[in-house]
Amino acid sequence: MRFEGAIVREQGIVFAIVVVKRHVLDNNTEANRVARSFQPAFPGLPVVLMAQNHSGSATYFGRPDIARFLSRVPVSAIPWRKYTLN
């Protein structure tokens, strides 16, 4: 499976971000399941999910401190790339 994501190193913390569809974040159980499913692509890193609404505003799901930090970062400043998870 190919997906868009990023590895970010900020303030001594390294974490991963994965782009998902908006509906994934609407259900905490589903969001937790999806975040865990991406863990093999980013061993040892916290995984945060990101979805955008129709106007491009991002919403984050994951560790509260990381999600709070990312809410203040422009989406365009994140080093996005394509990843593969088999």
PDB file of N, CA and C in Angstrom:
ATOM      1  N   MET A   1       0.845  -1.176   0.000  1.00  0.00           N
ATOM      2  CA  MET A   1       0.000   0.000   0.000  1.00  0.00           C
ATOM      3  C   MET A   1       0.892   1.241   0.000  1.00  0.00           C
ATOM      4  N   ARG A   2       0.577   2.179  -0.873  1.00  0.00           N
ATOM      5  CA  ARG A   2       1.305   3.452  -0.910  1.00  0.00           C
ATOM      6  C   ARG A   2       0.490   4.489  -0.151  1.00  0.00           C
ATOM      7  N   PHE A   3       1.206   5.341   0.574  1.00  0.00           N
ATOM      8  CA  PHE A   3       0.519   6.390   1.320  1.00  0.00           C
ATOM      9  C   PHE A   3       1.439   7.592   1.448  1.00  0.00           C
ATOM     10  N   GLU A   4       0.835   8.725   1.783  1.00  0.00           N
ATOM     11  CA  GLU A   4       1.591   9.957   1.978  1.00  0.00           C
ATOM     12  C   GLU A   4       1.808  10.164   3.468  1.00  0.00           C
ATOM     13  N   GLY A   5       3.028  10.526   3.814  1.00  0.00           N
ATOM     14  CA  GLY A   5       3.353  10.739   5.214  1.00  0.00           C
ATOM     15  C   GLY A   5       4.608  11.569   5.359  1.00  0.00           C
ATOM     16  N   ALA A   6       5.063  11.681   6.593  1.00  0.00           N
ATOM     17  CA  ALA A   6       6.266  12.466   6.873  1.00  0.00           C
ATOM     18  C   ALA A   6       6.874  11.992   8.184  1.00  0.00           C
ATOM     19  N   ILE A   7       8.183  12.140   8.272  1.00  0.00           N
ATOM     20  CA  ILE A   7       8.882  11.973   9.539  1.00  0.00           C
ATOM     21  C   ILE A   7       9.378  13.357   9.925  1.00  0.00           C
ATOM     22  N   VAL A   8       9.056  13.760  11.135  1.00  0.00           N
ATOM     23  CA  VAL A   8       9.388  15.109  11.603  1.00  0.00           C
ATOM     24  C   VAL A   8      10.249  15.002  12.852  1.00  0.00           C
ATOM     25  N   ARG A   9      11.305  15.802  12.889  1.00  0.00           N
ATOM     26  CA  ARG A   9      12.144  15.932  14.076  1.00  0.00           C
ATOM     27  C   ARG A   9      11.993  17.367  14.565  1.00  0.00           C
ATOM     28  N   GLU A  10      11.428  17.521  15.737  1.00  0.00           N
ATOM     29  CA  GLU A  10      11.166  18.865  16.255  1.00  0.00           C
ATOM     30  C   GLU A  10      11.278  18.852  17.765  1.00  0.00           C
ATOM     31  N   GLN A  11      12.036  19.791  18.296  1.00  0.00           N
ATOM     32  CA  GLN A  11      12.190  19.973  19.743  1.00  0.00           C
ATOM     33  C   GLN A  11      12.559  18.666  20.440  1.00  0.00           C
ATOM     34  N   GLY A  12      13.475  17.918  19.821  1.00  0.00           N
ATOM     35  CA  GLY A  12      13.963  16.682  20.419  1.00  0.00           C
ATOM     36  C   GLY A  12      13.030  15.493  20.295  1.00  0.00           C
ATOM     37  N   ILE A  13      11.930  15.646  19.586  1.00  0.00           N
ATOM     38  CA  ILE A  13      10.972  14.554  19.398  1.00  0.00           C
ATOM     39  C   ILE A  13      10.941  14.182  17.914  1.00  0.00           C
ATOM     40  N   VAL A  14      10.989  12.890  17.639  1.00  0.00           N
ATOM     41  CA  VAL A  14      10.855  12.398  16.266  1.00  0.00           C
ATOM     42  C   VAL A  14       9.526  11.654  16.193  1.00  0.00           C
ATOM     43  N   PHE A  15       8.717  11.982  15.203  1.00  0.00           N
ATOM     44  CA  PHE A  15       7.406  11.351  15.065  1.00  0.00           C
ATOM     45  C   PHE A  15       7.029  11.260  13.598  1.00  0.00           C
ATOM     46  N   ALA A  16       6.023  10.434  13.319  1.00  0.00           N
ATOM     47  CA  ALA A  16       5.542  10.246  11.955  1.00  0.00           C
ATOM     48  C   ALA A  16       4.137  10.815  11.825  1.00  0.00           C
ATOM     49  N   ILE A  17       3.844  11.302  10.628  1.00  0.00           N
ATOM     50  CA  ILE A  17       2.503  11.785  10.298  1.00  0.00           C
ATOM     51  C   ILE A  17       2.036  10.992   9.083  1.00  0.00           C
ATOM     52  N   VAL A  18       0.785  10.551   9.099  1.00  0.00           N
ATOM     53  CA  VAL A  18       0.204   9.823   7.977  1.00  0.00           C
ATOM     54  C   VAL A  18      -1.084  10.524   7.561  1.00  0.00           C
ATOM     55  N   VAL A  19      -1.230  10.760   6.264  1.00  0.00           N
ATOM     56  CA  VAL A  19      -2.440  11.388   5.728  1.00  0.00           C
ATOM     57  C   VAL A  19      -3.527  10.322   5.578  1.00  0.00           C
ATOM     58  N   VAL A  20      -4.710  10.625   6.116  1.00  0.00           N
ATOM     59  CA  VAL A  20      -5.855   9.710   6.025  1.00  0.00           C
ATOM     60  C   VAL A  20      -7.090  10.487   5.575  1.00  0.00           C
ATOM     61  N   LYS A  21      -8.128   9.759   5.218  1.00  0.00           N
ATOM     62  CA  LYS A  21      -9.405  10.389   4.871  1.00  0.00           C
ATOM     63  C   LYS A  21     -10.051  10.955   6.134  1.00  0.00           C
ATOM     64  N   ARG A  22     -10.802  12.006   5.968  1.00  0.00           N
ATOM     65  CA  ARG A  22     -11.419  12.717   7.091  1.00  0.00           C
ATOM     66  C   ARG A  22     -12.278  11.804   7.980  1.00  0.00           C
ATOM     67  N   HIS A  23     -13.026  10.908   7.377  1.00  0.00           N
ATOM     68  CA  HIS A  23     -13.940  10.067   8.160  1.00  0.00           C
ATOM     69  C   HIS A  23     -13.201   9.170   9.156  1.00  0.00           C
ATOM     70  N   VAL A  24     -11.926   8.871   8.904  1.00  0.00           N
ATOM     71  CA  VAL A  24     -11.147   8.033   9.825  1.00  0.00           C
ATOM     72  C   VAL A  24     -11.044   8.702  11.191  1.00  0.00           C
ATOM     73  N   LEU A  25     -10.926  10.016  11.211  1.00  0.00           N
ATOM     74  CA  LEU A  25     -10.759  10.741  12.469  1.00  0.00           C
ATOM     75  C   LEU A  25     -12.075  10.954  13.212  1.00  0.00           C
ATOM     76  N   ASP A  26     -13.190  10.630  12.575  1.00  0.00           N
ATOM     77  CA  ASP A  26     -14.496  10.829  13.204  1.00  0.00           C
ATOM     78  C   ASP A  26     -14.805   9.799  14.287  1.00  0.00           C
ATOM     79  N   ASN A  27     -14.042   8.713  14.328  1.00  0.00           N
ATOM     80  CA  ASN A  27     -14.283   7.636  15.287  1.00  0.00           C
ATOM     81  C   ASN A  27     -12.954   7.288  15.959  1.00  0.00           C
ATOM     82  N   ASN A  28     -12.854   7.532  17.269  1.00  0.00           N
ATOM     83  CA  ASN A  28     -11.594   7.304  17.987  1.00  0.00           C
ATOM     84  C   ASN A  28     -11.104   5.868  17.885  1.00  0.00           C
ATOM     85  N   THR A  29     -12.015   4.908  17.954  1.00  0.00           N
ATOM     86  CA  THR A  29     -11.616   3.501  17.859  1.00  0.00           C
ATOM     87  C   THR A  29     -10.990   3.220  16.505  1.00  0.00           C
ATOM     88  N   GLU A  30     -11.628   3.699  15.453  1.00  0.00           N
ATOM     89  CA  GLU A  30     -11.106   3.520  14.096  1.00  0.00           C
ATOM     90  C   GLU A  30      -9.780   4.256  13.926  1.00  0.00           C
ATOM     91  N   ALA A  31      -9.690   5.475  14.421  1.00  0.00           N
ATOM     92  CA  ALA A  31      -8.453   6.251  14.297  1.00  0.00           C
ATOM     93  C   ALA A  31      -7.300   5.545  15.009  1.00  0.00           C
ATOM     94  N   ASN A  32      -7.544   5.014  16.193  1.00  0.00           N
ATOM     95  CA  ASN A  32      -6.497   4.270  16.906  1.00  0.00           C
ATOM     96  C   ASN A  32      -6.076   3.030  16.131  1.00  0.00           C
ATOM     97  N   ARG A  33      -7.041   2.319  15.557  1.00  0.00           N
ATOM     98  CA  ARG A  33      -6.734   1.120  14.774  1.00  0.00           C
ATOM     99  C   ARG A  33      -5.884   1.473  13.553  1.00  0.00           C
ATOM    100  N   VAL A  34      -6.260   2.532  12.864  1.00  0.00           N
ATOM    101  CA  VAL A  34      -5.524   2.951  11.670  1.00  0.00           C
ATOM    102  C   VAL A  34      -4.111   3.407  12.046  1.00  0.00           C
ATOM    103  N   ALA A  35      -3.981   4.175  13.110  1.00  0.00           N
ATOM    104  CA  ALA A  35      -2.650   4.622  13.549  1.00  0.00           C
ATOM    105  C   ALA A  35      -1.759   3.415  13.847  1.00  0.00           C
ATOM    106  N   ARG A  36      -2.300   2.422  14.541  1.00  0.00           N
ATOM    107  CA  ARG A  36      -1.521   1.204  14.841  1.00  0.00           C
ATOM    108  C   ARG A  36      -1.140   0.464  13.564  1.00  0.00           C
ATOM    109  N   SER A  37      -1.997   0.483  12.567  1.00  0.00           N
ATOM    110  CA  SER A  37      -1.716  -0.241  11.326  1.00  0.00           C
ATOM    111  C   SER A  37      -0.533   0.361  10.566  1.00  0.00           C
ATOM    112  N   PHE A  38      -0.234   1.631  10.805  1.00  0.00           N
ATOM    113  CA  PHE A  38       0.906   2.275  10.149  1.00  0.00           C
ATOM    114  C   PHE A  38       2.195   2.150  10.961  1.00  0.00           C
ATOM    115  N   GLN A  39       2.105   1.641  12.178  1.00  0.00           N
ATOM    116  CA  GLN A  39       3.277   1.536  13.045  1.00  0.00           C
ATOM    117  C   GLN A  39       4.432   0.758  12.397  1.00  0.00           C
ATOM    118  N   PRO A  40       4.187  -0.344  11.653  1.00  0.00           N
ATOM    119  CA  PRO A  40       5.308  -1.060  11.029  1.00  0.00           C
ATOM    120  C   PRO A  40       6.122  -0.209  10.048  1.00  0.00           C
ATOM    121  N   ALA A  41       5.520   0.817   9.481  1.00  0.00           N
ATOM    122  CA  ALA A  41       6.252   1.695   8.559  1.00  0.00           C
ATOM    123  C   ALA A  41       7.170   2.657   9.304  1.00  0.00           C
ATOM    124  N   PHE A  42       6.889   2.863  10.590  1.00  0.00           N
ATOM    125  CA  PHE A  42       7.644   3.822  11.398  1.00  0.00           C
ATOM    126  C   PHE A  42       7.970   3.213  12.760  1.00  0.00           C
ATOM    127  N   PRO A  43       8.793   2.155  12.787  1.00  0.00           N
ATOM    128  CA  PRO A  43       9.061   1.457  14.049  1.00  0.00           C
ATOM    129  C   PRO A  43       9.621   2.392  15.120  1.00  0.00           C
ATOM    130  N   GLY A  44       9.021   2.315  16.293  1.00  0.00           N
ATOM    131  CA  GLY A  44       9.506   3.088  17.430  1.00  0.00           C
ATOM    132  C   GLY A  44       9.090   4.542  17.464  1.00  0.00           C
ATOM    133  N   LEU A  45       8.387   5.003  16.426  1.00  0.00           N
ATOM    134  CA  LEU A  45       7.973   6.409  16.387  1.00  0.00           C
ATOM    135  C   LEU A  45       6.487   6.534  16.708  1.00  0.00           C
ATOM    136  N   PRO A  46       6.110   7.598  17.422  1.00  0.00           N
ATOM    137  CA  PRO A  46       4.680   7.875  17.565  1.00  0.00           C
ATOM    138  C   PRO A  46       4.100   8.221  16.192  1.00  0.00           C
ATOM    139  N   VAL A  47       2.911   7.708  15.900  1.00  0.00           N
ATOM    140  CA  VAL A  47       2.245   7.986  14.626  1.00  0.00           C
ATOM    141  C   VAL A  47       1.058   8.906  14.887  1.00  0.00           C
ATOM    142  N   VAL A  48       1.025  10.012  14.152  1.00  0.00           N
ATOM    143  CA  VAL A  48      -0.079  10.970  14.211  1.00  0.00           C
ATOM    144  C   VAL A  48      -0.788  10.923  12.860  1.00  0.00           C
ATOM    145  N   LEU A  49      -2.105  10.891  12.885  1.00  0.00           N
ATOM    146  CA  LEU A  49      -2.888  10.913  11.651  1.00  0.00           C
ATOM    147  C   LEU A  49      -3.298  12.339  11.325  1.00  0.00           C
ATOM    148  N   MET A  50      -3.334  12.659  10.037  1.00  0.00           N
ATOM    149  CA  MET A  50      -3.743  13.990   9.600  1.00  0.00           C
ATOM    150  C   MET A  50      -4.784  13.849   8.493  1.00  0.00           C
ATOM    151  N   ALA A  51      -5.860  14.618   8.616  1.00  0.00           N
ATOM    152  CA  ALA A  51      -6.877  14.686   7.570  1.00  0.00           C
ATOM    153  C   ALA A  51      -7.199  16.147   7.326  1.00  0.00           C
ATOM    154  N   GLN A  52      -7.603  16.444   6.084  1.00  0.00           N
ATOM    155  CA  GLN A  52      -7.977  17.811   5.737  1.00  0.00           C
ATOM    156  C   GLN A  52      -9.453  17.858   5.368  1.00  0.00           C
ATOM    157  N   ASN A  53     -10.081  18.988   5.704  1.00  0.00           N
ATOM    158  CA  ASN A  53     -11.476  19.168   5.302  1.00  0.00           C
ATOM    159  C   ASN A  53     -11.521  19.743   3.889  1.00  0.00           C
ATOM    160  N   HIS A  54     -12.704  20.043   3.410  1.00  0.00           N
ATOM    161  CA  HIS A  54     -12.882  20.527   2.038  1.00  0.00           C
ATOM    162  C   HIS A  54     -12.140  21.832   1.757  1.00  0.00           C
ATOM    163  N   SER A  55     -11.857  22.618   2.796  1.00  0.00           N
ATOM    164  CA  SER A  55     -11.138  23.883   2.584  1.00  0.00           C
ATOM    165  C   SER A  55      -9.639  23.752   2.842  1.00  0.00           C
ATOM    166  N   GLY A  56      -9.189  22.538   3.159  1.00  0.00           N
ATOM    167  CA  GLY A  56      -7.759  22.314   3.347  1.00  0.00           C
ATOM    168  C   GLY A  56      -7.263  22.445   4.771  1.00  0.00           C
ATOM    169  N   SER A  57      -8.154  22.741   5.716  1.00  0.00           N
ATOM    170  CA  SER A  57      -7.742  22.843   7.116  1.00  0.00           C
ATOM    171  C   SER A  57      -7.445  21.450   7.659  1.00  0.00           C
ATOM    172  N   ALA A  58      -6.308  21.326   8.337  1.00  0.00           N
ATOM    173  CA  ALA A  58      -5.872  20.027   8.841  1.00  0.00           C
ATOM    174  C   ALA A  58      -6.387  19.766  10.250  1.00  0.00           C
ATOM    175  N   THR A  59      -6.688  18.498  10.511  1.00  0.00           N
ATOM    176  CA  THR A  59      -7.018  18.007  11.844  1.00  0.00           C
ATOM    177  C   THR A  59      -6.071  16.853  12.128  1.00  0.00           C
ATOM    178  N   TYR A  60      -5.550  16.795  13.349  1.00  0.00           N
ATOM    179  CA  TYR A  60      -4.579  15.768  13.726  1.00  0.00           C
ATOM    180  C   TYR A  60      -5.138  14.884  14.822  1.00  0.00           C
ATOM    181  N   PHE A  61      -4.736  13.613  14.783  1.00  0.00           N
ATOM    182  CA  PHE A  61      -5.130  12.643  15.807  1.00  0.00           C
ATOM    183  C   PHE A  61      -3.885  11.880  16.237  1.00  0.00           C
ATOM    184  N   GLY A  62      -3.659  11.838  17.526  1.00  0.00           N
ATOM    185  CA  GLY A  62      -2.509  11.106  18.053  1.00  0.00           C
ATOM    186  C   GLY A  62      -2.106  11.692  19.385  1.00  0.00           C
ATOM    187  N   ARG A  63      -0.835  11.559  19.703  1.00  0.00           N
ATOM    188  CA  ARG A  63      -0.350  12.088  20.972  1.00  0.00           C
ATOM    189  C   ARG A  63      -0.734  13.550  21.102  1.00  0.00           C
ATOM    190  N   PRO A  64      -1.398  13.923  22.198  1.00  0.00           N
ATOM    191  CA  PRO A  64      -1.919  15.291  22.326  1.00  0.00           C
ATOM    192  C   PRO A  64      -0.861  16.381  22.177  1.00  0.00           C
ATOM    193  N   ASP A  65       0.336  16.185  22.725  1.00  0.00           N
ATOM    194  CA  ASP A  65       1.362  17.225  22.607  1.00  0.00           C
ATOM    195  C   ASP A  65       1.796  17.412  21.159  1.00  0.00           C
ATOM    196  N   ILE A  66       1.896  16.316  20.413  1.00  0.00           N
ATOM    197  CA  ILE A  66       2.299  16.410  19.006  1.00  0.00           C
ATOM    198  C   ILE A  66       1.164  16.999  18.173  1.00  0.00           C
ATOM    199  N   ALA A  67      -0.062  16.550  18.395  1.00  0.00           N
ATOM    200  CA  ALA A  67      -1.210  17.083  17.650  1.00  0.00           C
ATOM    201  C   ALA A  67      -1.361  18.580  17.882  1.00  0.00           C
ATOM    202  N   ARG A  68      -1.159  19.009  19.133  1.00  0.00           N
ATOM    203  CA  ARG A  68      -1.251  20.438  19.462  1.00  0.00           C
ATOM    204  C   ARG A  68      -0.162  21.222  18.721  1.00  0.00           C
ATOM    205  N   PHE A  69       1.061  20.694  18.740  1.00  0.00           N
ATOM    206  CA  PHE A  69       2.165  21.349  18.033  1.00  0.00           C
ATOM    207  C   PHE A  69       1.848  21.462  16.538  1.00  0.00           C
ATOM    208  N   LEU A  70       1.411  20.354  15.931  1.00  0.00           N
ATOM    209  CA  LEU A  70       1.145  20.350  14.490  1.00  0.00           C
ATOM    210  C   LEU A  70       0.013  21.288  14.101  1.00  0.00           C
ATOM    211  N   SER A  71      -0.920  21.524  15.003  1.00  0.00           N
ATOM    212  CA  SER A  71      -2.033  22.420  14.684  1.00  0.00           C
ATOM    213  C   SER A  71      -1.558  23.846  14.419  1.00  0.00           C
ATOM    214  N   ARG A  72      -0.336  24.154  14.837  1.00  0.00           N
ATOM    215  CA  ARG A  72       0.224  25.493  14.619  1.00  0.00           C
ATOM    216  C   ARG A  72       1.228  25.532  13.462  1.00  0.00           C
ATOM    217  N   VAL A  73       1.416  24.397  12.784  1.00  0.00           N
ATOM    218  CA  VAL A  73       2.382  24.308  11.687  1.00  0.00           C
ATOM    219  C   VAL A  73       1.621  24.286  10.360  1.00  0.00           C
ATOM    220  N   PRO A  74       2.008  25.135   9.409  1.00  0.00           N
ATOM    221  CA  PRO A  74       1.349  25.075   8.095  1.00  0.00           C
ATOM    222  C   PRO A  74       1.577  23.703   7.450  1.00  0.00           C
ATOM    223  N   VAL A  75       0.541  23.136   6.853  1.00  0.00           N
ATOM    224  CA  VAL A  75       0.650  21.827   6.203  1.00  0.00           C
ATOM    225  C   VAL A  75       1.750  21.850   5.148  1.00  0.00           C
ATOM    226  N   SER A  76       1.917  22.974   4.489  1.00  0.00           N
ATOM    227  CA  SER A  76       2.934  23.087   3.437  1.00  0.00           C
ATOM    228  C   SER A  76       4.358  23.040   3.985  1.00  0.00           C
ATOM    229  N   ALA A  77       4.538  23.223   5.286  1.00  0.00           N
ATOM    230  CA  ALA A  77       5.874  23.192   5.891  1.00  0.00           C
ATOM    231  C   ALA A  77       6.296  21.776   6.298  1.00  0.00           C
ATOM    232  N   ILE A  78       5.397  20.819   6.179  1.00  0.00           N
ATOM    233  CA  ILE A  78       5.693  19.433   6.563  1.00  0.00           C
ATOM    234  C   ILE A  78       6.364  18.731   5.377  1.00  0.00           C
ATOM    235  N   PRO A  79       7.440  17.974   5.636  1.00  0.00           N
ATOM    236  CA  PRO A  79       8.191  17.329   4.541  1.00  0.00           C
ATOM    237  C   PRO A  79       7.518  16.041   4.037  1.00  0.00           C
ATOM    238  N   TRP A  80       6.408  16.188   3.329  1.00  0.00           N
ATOM    239  CA  TRP A  80       5.637  15.043   2.848  1.00  0.00           C
ATOM    240  C   TRP A  80       6.410  14.243   1.820  1.00  0.00           C
ATOM    241  N   ARG A  81       6.189  12.924   1.826  1.00  0.00           N
ATOM    242  CA  ARG A  81       6.719  12.043   0.783  1.00  0.00           C
ATOM    243  C   ARG A  81       5.847  10.798   0.712  1.00  0.00           C
ATOM    244  N   LYS A  82       6.052  10.008  -0.325  1.00  0.00           N
ATOM    245  CA  LYS A  82       5.308   8.757  -0.500  1.00  0.00           C
ATOM    246  C   LYS A  82       6.052   7.631   0.211  1.00  0.00           C
ATOM    247  N   TYR A  83       5.290   6.775   0.895  1.00  0.00           N
ATOM    248  CA  TYR A  83       5.829   5.600   1.578  1.00  0.00           C
ATOM    249  C   TYR A  83       5.094   4.367   1.077  1.00  0.00           C
ATOM    250  N   THR A  84       5.714   3.215   1.266  1.00  0.00           N
ATOM    251  CA  THR A  84       5.085   1.943   0.933  1.00  0.00           C
ATOM    252  C   THR A  84       5.048   1.077   2.173  1.00  0.00           C
ATOM    253  N   LEU A  85       3.902   0.469   2.432  1.00  0.00           N
ATOM    254  CA  LEU A  85       3.732  -0.465   3.542  1.00  0.00           C
ATOM    255  C   LEU A  85       3.116  -1.730   2.968  1.00  0.00           C
ATOM    256  N   ASN A  86       3.805  -2.838   3.132  1.00  0.00           N
ATOM    257  CA  ASN A  86       3.297  -4.113   2.584  1.00  0.00           C
ATOM    258  C   ASN A  86       2.558  -4.902   3.625  1.00  0.00           C
TER     259      ASN A  86
END
